[in-house]
Amino acid sequence: MTISPITRRRLFQFRANKRGFWSLWIFLALFAICIVAPFIANDKPLIVQYDNAVYFPVFKNYPETIFGGDFKTEADYRDPYVQELIEDKGRIIWPVIRYSYDTINYNLPQPAPSPPTRDNLLGTDDQGRDVAARVIYGFRISVLFGLTLTLVSSIIGVTAGAFQGYYGGWLDLIMQRLIEIWSSLPSLYILIIFSAMFVPGFWTLLLILLLFSWVSLVDVVRAEFLRTRNFDYIRAANALGVSNLTIMRRHVLPNAMVATLTLMPFILTGSITALTSLDFLGLGLPPGSASLGEMLSQGKNNLQAPWLGFTAFISLALMLSLLTFIGEAVRDAFDPRKINL
């Protein structure tokens, strides 16, 4: 596949920004680790070899009777009795961290929250759950939530800005006034009210935050369409009978995508920050979910356990810093004034 000179220049400009280039690789590595979180932090073994048979508890639930136990319910692999049954005729291969985000450690050396130990590398929270496991799962859900919200809000914002800028006239005037009114509303208070009214959940929060996040791209896309619609090649396409939707999609939208791609990393950062804020206030994800905002709240409420606040702060600071550096590199890549070829 051949790469156009413009794309080659943009890739060169992106790599020239060393901080953003390496931030992208670090972020992708962390995200890849978090995507396979069940294979890294789980209270179920990866593989169980028992009596010449191989089982995969991380994928499927097995009753205790398969391993010589007495109960037909799912085996509790953390139970020393079950471990002894399995190890008599086989072996257990565990993940690196033997806790999931909601696993409670009942064998703590002191009351929860307990400090870091060899068993709990980053300590436990006030409910006895492993902090390292919750950070891994919390990082994953924060990034997935931010990516989903950024993608959906970008689609809506680009569509609204495209119709405003291309058709102009009364459509642009009316939509612009409505957007100005909507943007002037105190979004944080409205988000708090909606979060308190509805049952919290991943998709519920996504829809609530989507109410305001789509507005951020409308202005830049609208301006690009207003500028481009009067170009000669657009008028020529109109004269040839090409439909408006085809012109918008094929000839005008690629120009607007430059500004959109430049802003998307910063929109992603804002989406993650919004979710963290709601979780910190107790209005975000359901109780018990892996959440960095909830961990920040625990750090505030348990000042005698500094590992909670420091872990959550470092995780968020690292994530947001990497995304900001990536956004700066993308902005440099699409800046036509920076030509270092």
Protein backbone atom coordinates (compact mmCIF):
# COMPACT_ATOMS: atom_id res chain seq x y z
CA MET A 1 0.00 0.00 0.00
CA THR A 2 1.45 3.35 -1.08
CA ILE A 3 1.47 6.23 1.36
CA SER A 4 0.71 9.70 0.08
CA PRO A 5 3.26 12.49 0.65
CA ILE A 6 0.88 14.27 3.05
CA THR A 7 0.42 11.15 5.16
CA ARG A 8 4.17 10.52 5.11
CA ARG A 9 4.81 14.07 6.30
CA ARG A 10 2.28 13.68 9.12
CA LEU A 11 3.81 10.42 10.28
CA PHE A 12 7.23 12.05 10.23
CA GLN A 13 5.95 14.99 12.25
CA PHE A 14 4.33 12.64 14.76
CA ARG A 15 7.55 10.65 15.22
CA ALA A 16 9.50 13.89 15.49
CA ASN A 17 7.62 14.64 18.69
CA LYS A 18 9.52 12.11 20.81
CA ARG A 19 7.45 12.71 23.92
CA GLY A 20 4.18 12.03 22.13
CA PHE A 21 5.61 9.13 20.10
CA TRP A 22 6.85 7.23 23.14
CA SER A 23 3.74 8.15 25.10
CA LEU A 24 1.68 6.40 22.43
CA TRP A 25 3.68 3.19 22.77
CA ILE A 26 3.58 3.30 26.57
CA PHE A 27 -0.17 3.91 26.54
CA LEU A 28 -0.75 1.08 24.05
CA ALA A 29 1.34 -1.27 26.19
CA LEU A 30 -0.59 -0.38 29.35
CA PHE A 31 -3.90 -0.67 27.54
CA ALA A 32 -2.92 -4.08 26.11
CA ILE A 33 -2.09 -5.29 29.61
CA CYS A 34 -5.42 -4.05 30.96
CA ILE A 35 -7.40 -5.58 28.10
CA VAL A 36 -6.20 -9.03 29.18
CA ALA A 37 -6.79 -8.19 32.86
CA PRO A 38 -8.61 -11.50 33.61
CA PHE A 39 -5.40 -13.33 32.69
CA ILE A 40 -3.27 -11.10 34.92
CA ALA A 41 -5.45 -10.50 37.98
CA ASN A 42 -8.07 -13.12 38.79
CA ASP A 43 -9.21 -15.25 41.70
CA LYS A 44 -9.59 -18.21 39.34
CA PRO A 45 -6.66 -20.22 37.97
CA LEU A 46 -5.69 -19.95 34.34
CA ILE A 47 -5.23 -23.71 33.95
CA VAL A 48 -6.01 -26.62 36.24
CA GLN A 49 -4.49 -30.01 35.47
CA TYR A 50 -6.32 -32.72 37.41
CA ASP A 51 -6.37 -36.50 36.94
CA ASN A 52 -4.97 -36.38 33.36
CA ALA A 53 -7.54 -33.74 32.33
CA VAL A 54 -7.04 -30.03 31.69
CA TYR A 55 -9.54 -27.38 32.77
CA PHE A 56 -9.69 -23.63 32.14
CA PRO A 57 -11.55 -22.00 35.06
CA VAL A 58 -10.90 -18.52 33.68
CA PHE A 59 -13.25 -19.36 30.79
CA LYS A 60 -15.70 -21.82 32.34
CA ASN A 61 -17.16 -22.58 35.76
CA TYR A 62 -16.57 -26.06 37.14
CA PRO A 63 -18.29 -27.66 40.14
CA GLU A 64 -16.25 -28.74 43.10
CA THR A 65 -17.22 -32.39 42.56
CA ILE A 66 -15.04 -32.56 39.43
CA PHE A 67 -11.99 -32.20 41.66
CA GLY A 68 -13.20 -34.68 44.27
CA GLY A 69 -15.10 -32.24 46.46
CA ASP A 70 -18.52 -32.60 48.07
CA PHE A 71 -20.49 -29.67 46.62
CA LYS A 72 -21.94 -29.28 43.13
CA THR A 73 -21.53 -25.51 43.29
CA GLU A 74 -18.67 -23.69 41.59
CA ALA A 75 -15.31 -24.54 43.08
CA ASP A 76 -13.70 -21.93 45.29
CA TYR A 77 -10.11 -22.19 44.12
CA ARG A 78 -8.86 -19.98 46.93
CA ASP A 79 -10.12 -22.48 49.47
CA PRO A 80 -7.12 -24.44 50.83
CA TYR A 81 -9.24 -27.60 50.86
CA VAL A 82 -9.96 -27.32 47.11
CA GLN A 83 -6.32 -26.50 46.38
CA GLU A 84 -5.21 -29.58 48.30
CA LEU A 85 -7.67 -31.77 46.37
CA ILE A 86 -6.36 -30.53 43.03
CA GLU A 87 -2.67 -30.67 43.94
CA ASP A 88 -3.00 -34.31 45.06
CA LYS A 89 -3.66 -35.37 41.45
CA GLY A 90 -2.47 -32.41 39.41
CA ARG A 91 -1.41 -28.78 39.62
CA ILE A 92 -2.74 -25.23 39.42
CA ILE A 93 -1.40 -22.41 37.25
CA TRP A 94 -2.41 -19.04 38.72
CA PRO A 95 -2.34 -15.52 37.24
CA VAL A 96 0.34 -13.10 38.39
CA ILE A 97 -2.15 -11.52 40.83
CA ARG A 98 -4.46 -14.03 42.53
CA TYR A 99 -7.23 -11.51 43.07
CA SER A 100 -9.91 -10.01 40.89
CA TYR A 101 -11.17 -6.45 41.36
CA ASP A 102 -13.96 -7.63 43.71
CA THR A 103 -12.12 -10.40 45.57
CA ILE A 104 -11.94 -9.86 49.32
CA ASN A 105 -8.85 -11.10 51.13
CA TYR A 106 -10.02 -12.57 54.44
CA ASN A 107 -6.48 -13.43 55.57
CA LEU A 108 -5.08 -9.96 56.05
CA PRO A 109 -2.27 -9.42 58.56
CA GLN A 110 -4.18 -6.44 59.98
CA PRO A 111 -7.61 -4.83 59.55
CA ALA A 112 -8.40 -3.31 56.16
CA PRO A 113 -7.14 -1.14 54.62
CA SER A 114 -3.90 -3.06 55.00
CA PRO A 115 -0.50 -1.87 53.73
CA PRO A 116 1.38 -3.47 50.82
CA THR A 117 2.60 -7.01 51.38
CA ARG A 118 4.01 -9.80 49.24
CA ASP A 119 0.46 -11.09 48.75
CA ASN A 120 -1.08 -7.67 48.05
CA LEU A 121 1.62 -5.69 46.27
CA LEU A 122 -0.18 -2.34 46.54
CA GLY A 123 -2.11 -3.11 49.70
CA THR A 124 -5.87 -3.42 50.07
CA ASP A 125 -8.71 -0.93 50.24
CA ASP A 126 -11.11 -0.49 53.16
CA GLN A 127 -13.06 -3.59 52.10
CA GLY A 128 -10.06 -5.88 51.83
CA ARG A 129 -9.88 -5.87 48.02
CA ASP A 130 -6.52 -5.95 46.25
CA VAL A 131 -5.54 -2.44 45.07
CA ALA A 132 -3.33 -3.66 42.22
CA ALA A 133 -6.17 -5.67 40.70
CA ARG A 134 -8.58 -2.77 41.05
CA VAL A 135 -6.11 -0.40 39.35
CA ILE A 136 -5.74 -2.74 36.37
CA TYR A 137 -9.48 -3.21 35.95
CA GLY A 138 -10.18 0.46 36.71
CA PHE A 139 -7.69 1.59 34.06
CA ARG A 140 -9.38 -0.69 31.52
CA ILE A 141 -12.93 0.48 32.19
CA SER A 142 -11.85 4.14 32.23
CA VAL A 143 -10.13 3.89 28.84
CA LEU A 144 -12.94 1.83 27.27
CA PHE A 145 -15.54 4.27 28.59
CA GLY A 146 -13.54 7.24 27.34
CA LEU A 147 -12.96 5.72 23.91
CA THR A 148 -16.63 4.82 23.49
CA LEU A 149 -17.82 8.24 24.60
CA THR A 150 -15.25 10.00 22.39
CA LEU A 151 -16.21 7.95 19.33
CA VAL A 152 -19.98 8.40 19.72
CA SER A 153 -19.78 12.09 20.63
CA SER A 154 -17.42 12.71 17.69
CA ILE A 155 -19.86 11.11 15.26
CA ILE A 156 -22.74 13.24 16.56
CA GLY A 157 -20.67 16.43 16.75
CA VAL A 158 -19.18 16.02 13.28
CA THR A 159 -22.62 15.29 11.79
CA ALA A 160 -24.23 18.32 13.44
CA GLY A 161 -21.36 20.63 12.49
CA ALA A 162 -21.34 19.31 8.92
CA PHE A 163 -25.02 20.03 8.32
CA GLN A 164 -24.73 23.45 9.93
CA GLY A 165 -21.72 24.52 7.93
CA TYR A 166 -22.73 23.06 4.57
CA TYR A 167 -26.35 24.20 4.40
CA GLY A 168 -25.98 27.41 6.42
CA GLY A 169 -28.91 29.80 6.42
CA TRP A 170 -31.74 29.29 8.86
CA LEU A 171 -30.61 25.77 9.73
CA ASP A 172 -27.23 27.06 10.85
CA LEU A 173 -28.76 30.03 12.68
CA ILE A 174 -31.31 27.98 14.63
CA MET A 175 -28.90 25.15 15.51
CA GLN A 176 -26.22 27.60 16.58
CA ARG A 177 -28.58 29.39 18.96
CA LEU A 178 -29.75 26.07 20.42
CA ILE A 179 -26.18 24.92 20.91
CA GLU A 180 -25.27 28.20 22.61
CA ILE A 181 -28.18 27.80 25.01
CA TRP A 182 -27.33 24.15 25.67
CA SER A 183 -23.64 24.93 26.22
CA SER A 184 -24.44 27.71 28.71
CA LEU A 185 -26.20 25.27 31.05
CA PRO A 186 -24.25 24.17 34.15
CA SER A 187 -23.33 20.76 32.78
CA LEU A 188 -21.76 19.36 35.96
CA TYR A 189 -24.86 20.03 38.06
CA ILE A 190 -27.14 18.56 35.39
CA LEU A 191 -24.92 15.48 35.19
CA ILE A 192 -25.10 15.09 38.97
CA ILE A 193 -28.91 15.41 38.90
CA PHE A 194 -29.30 12.86 36.10
CA SER A 195 -26.85 10.47 37.77
CA ALA A 196 -28.86 10.65 40.99
CA MET A 197 -32.16 10.06 39.14
CA PHE A 198 -31.18 6.96 37.15
CA VAL A 199 -29.67 3.64 38.19
CA PRO A 200 -25.91 4.00 37.63
CA GLY A 201 -24.31 1.82 34.99
CA PHE A 202 -21.81 1.90 32.15
CA TRP A 203 -24.34 2.67 29.39
CA THR A 204 -26.45 4.97 31.57
CA LEU A 205 -23.44 7.14 32.36
CA LEU A 206 -22.41 7.03 28.72
CA LEU A 207 -25.77 8.44 27.61
CA ILE A 208 -25.77 11.08 30.35
CA LEU A 209 -22.27 12.35 29.52
CA LEU A 210 -23.07 12.19 25.82
CA LEU A 211 -25.65 14.94 26.34
CA PHE A 212 -22.87 17.53 26.60
CA SER A 213 -19.71 15.98 25.17
CA TRP A 214 -20.83 16.09 21.51
CA VAL A 215 -20.89 19.91 21.47
CA SER A 216 -17.10 20.27 21.63
CA LEU A 217 -16.54 19.36 17.97
CA VAL A 218 -19.45 21.23 16.39
CA ASP A 219 -17.76 24.62 16.09
CA VAL A 220 -14.55 23.44 14.42
CA VAL A 221 -16.37 21.18 11.94
CA ARG A 222 -18.94 23.89 11.19
CA ALA A 223 -16.18 26.41 10.47
CA GLU A 224 -14.41 24.00 8.15
CA PHE A 225 -17.58 23.25 6.20
CA LEU A 226 -18.43 26.97 5.96
CA ARG A 227 -14.97 27.62 4.53
CA THR A 228 -14.91 24.69 2.13
CA ARG A 229 -18.42 24.81 0.68
CA ASN A 230 -17.57 27.82 -1.52
CA PHE A 231 -14.48 26.29 -3.12
CA ASP A 232 -14.50 25.85 -6.88
CA TYR A 233 -14.39 22.06 -6.85
CA ILE A 234 -17.44 21.96 -4.55
CA ARG A 235 -19.36 24.24 -6.93
CA ALA A 236 -18.25 22.11 -9.85
CA ALA A 237 -19.53 18.98 -8.13
CA ASN A 238 -22.86 20.71 -7.51
CA ALA A 239 -23.06 21.73 -11.16
CA LEU A 240 -22.44 18.13 -12.23
CA GLY A 241 -25.41 16.98 -10.18
CA VAL A 242 -23.53 15.23 -7.36
CA SER A 243 -25.76 14.89 -4.30
CA ASN A 244 -25.12 17.05 -1.27
CA LEU A 245 -24.50 14.06 1.00
CA THR A 246 -21.90 12.68 -1.41
CA ILE A 247 -20.14 16.05 -1.59
CA MET A 248 -20.16 16.36 2.19
CA ARG A 249 -18.83 12.86 2.73
CA ARG A 250 -16.29 12.63 -0.08
CA HIS A 251 -15.03 16.18 -0.64
CA VAL A 252 -15.59 18.25 2.51
CA LEU A 253 -15.44 15.80 5.41
CA PRO A 254 -11.76 14.81 4.87
CA ASN A 255 -10.77 18.45 5.45
CA ALA A 256 -12.85 18.62 8.64
CA MET A 257 -11.37 15.37 9.96
CA VAL A 258 -8.02 17.08 10.43
CA ALA A 259 -9.41 19.28 13.20
CA THR A 260 -11.46 16.37 14.55
CA LEU A 261 -8.48 14.03 14.89
CA THR A 262 -6.47 16.79 16.53
CA LEU A 263 -9.07 17.32 19.24
CA MET A 264 -10.01 13.69 19.88
CA PRO A 265 -7.19 12.87 22.37
CA PHE A 266 -8.21 15.88 24.46
CA ILE A 267 -11.88 14.85 24.29
CA LEU A 268 -10.82 11.40 25.50
CA THR A 269 -8.99 12.98 28.42
CA GLY A 270 -12.09 15.01 29.33
CA SER A 271 -14.30 11.92 29.13
CA ILE A 272 -12.09 9.97 31.53
CA THR A 273 -11.94 12.95 33.89
CA ALA A 274 -15.74 13.27 33.87
CA LEU A 275 -16.21 9.59 34.74
CA THR A 276 -13.61 9.83 37.50
CA SER A 277 -15.34 12.91 38.95
CA LEU A 278 -18.73 11.19 39.07
CA ASP A 279 -17.19 8.08 40.64
CA PHE A 280 -15.43 10.24 43.22
CA LEU A 281 -18.78 11.83 44.15
CA GLY A 282 -20.44 8.41 44.38
CA LEU A 283 -22.67 9.05 41.35
CA GLY A 284 -20.76 7.03 38.78
CA LEU A 285 -20.44 3.31 38.26
CA PRO A 286 -22.35 0.88 40.52
CA PRO A 287 -20.86 0.20 43.96
CA GLY A 288 -18.17 -2.46 43.82
CA SER A 289 -17.09 -1.65 40.27
CA ALA A 290 -13.41 -1.15 39.55
CA SER A 291 -13.10 2.62 39.55
CA LEU A 292 -10.18 4.99 39.91
CA GLY A 293 -12.53 7.72 41.12
CA GLU A 294 -13.86 5.47 43.88
CA MET A 295 -10.28 4.70 44.87
CA LEU A 296 -9.57 8.42 45.12
CA SER A 297 -12.59 8.75 47.38
CA GLN A 298 -11.27 5.93 49.57
CA GLY A 299 -7.91 7.67 49.76
CA LYS A 300 -9.65 10.84 50.95
CA ASN A 301 -11.62 8.93 53.56
CA ASN A 302 -8.65 6.86 54.76
CA LEU A 303 -5.76 9.26 55.19
CA GLN A 304 -4.06 6.71 57.42
CA ALA A 305 -3.68 4.51 54.30
CA PRO A 306 -1.64 6.72 51.93
CA TRP A 307 -1.14 3.88 49.42
CA LEU A 308 -4.77 4.28 48.31
CA GLY A 309 -4.55 7.95 47.39
CA PHE A 310 -1.03 7.73 45.93
CA THR A 311 -1.89 4.71 43.75
CA ALA A 312 -5.05 6.29 42.35
CA PHE A 313 -3.36 9.66 41.81
CA ILE A 314 -0.32 8.18 40.04
CA SER A 315 -2.54 5.99 37.83
CA LEU A 316 -4.72 8.91 36.76
CA ALA A 317 -1.80 11.30 36.36
CA LEU A 318 0.07 8.81 34.20
CA MET A 319 -2.97 8.05 32.03
CA LEU A 320 -3.96 11.68 31.47
CA SER A 321 -0.36 12.80 30.89
CA LEU A 322 0.19 10.15 28.24
CA LEU A 323 -3.04 11.10 26.46
CA THR A 324 -2.14 14.80 26.60
CA PHE A 325 1.32 14.16 25.12
CA ILE A 326 -0.25 12.02 22.38
CA GLY A 327 -2.70 14.82 21.62
CA GLU A 328 0.12 17.33 21.32
CA ALA A 329 1.96 15.03 18.89
CA VAL A 330 -1.19 14.57 16.79
CA ARG A 331 -1.68 18.34 16.72
CA ASP A 332 1.89 18.81 15.49
CA ALA A 333 1.42 16.10 12.87
CA PHE A 334 -1.58 17.86 11.32
CA ASP A 335 -0.08 21.36 11.56
CA PRO A 336 0.86 22.39 7.98
CA ARG A 337 3.22 25.07 9.28
CA LYS A 338 5.58 22.45 10.72
CA ILE A 339 7.50 20.92 7.86
CA ASN A 340 10.76 19.24 8.87
CA LEU A 341 11.24 16.98 5.87
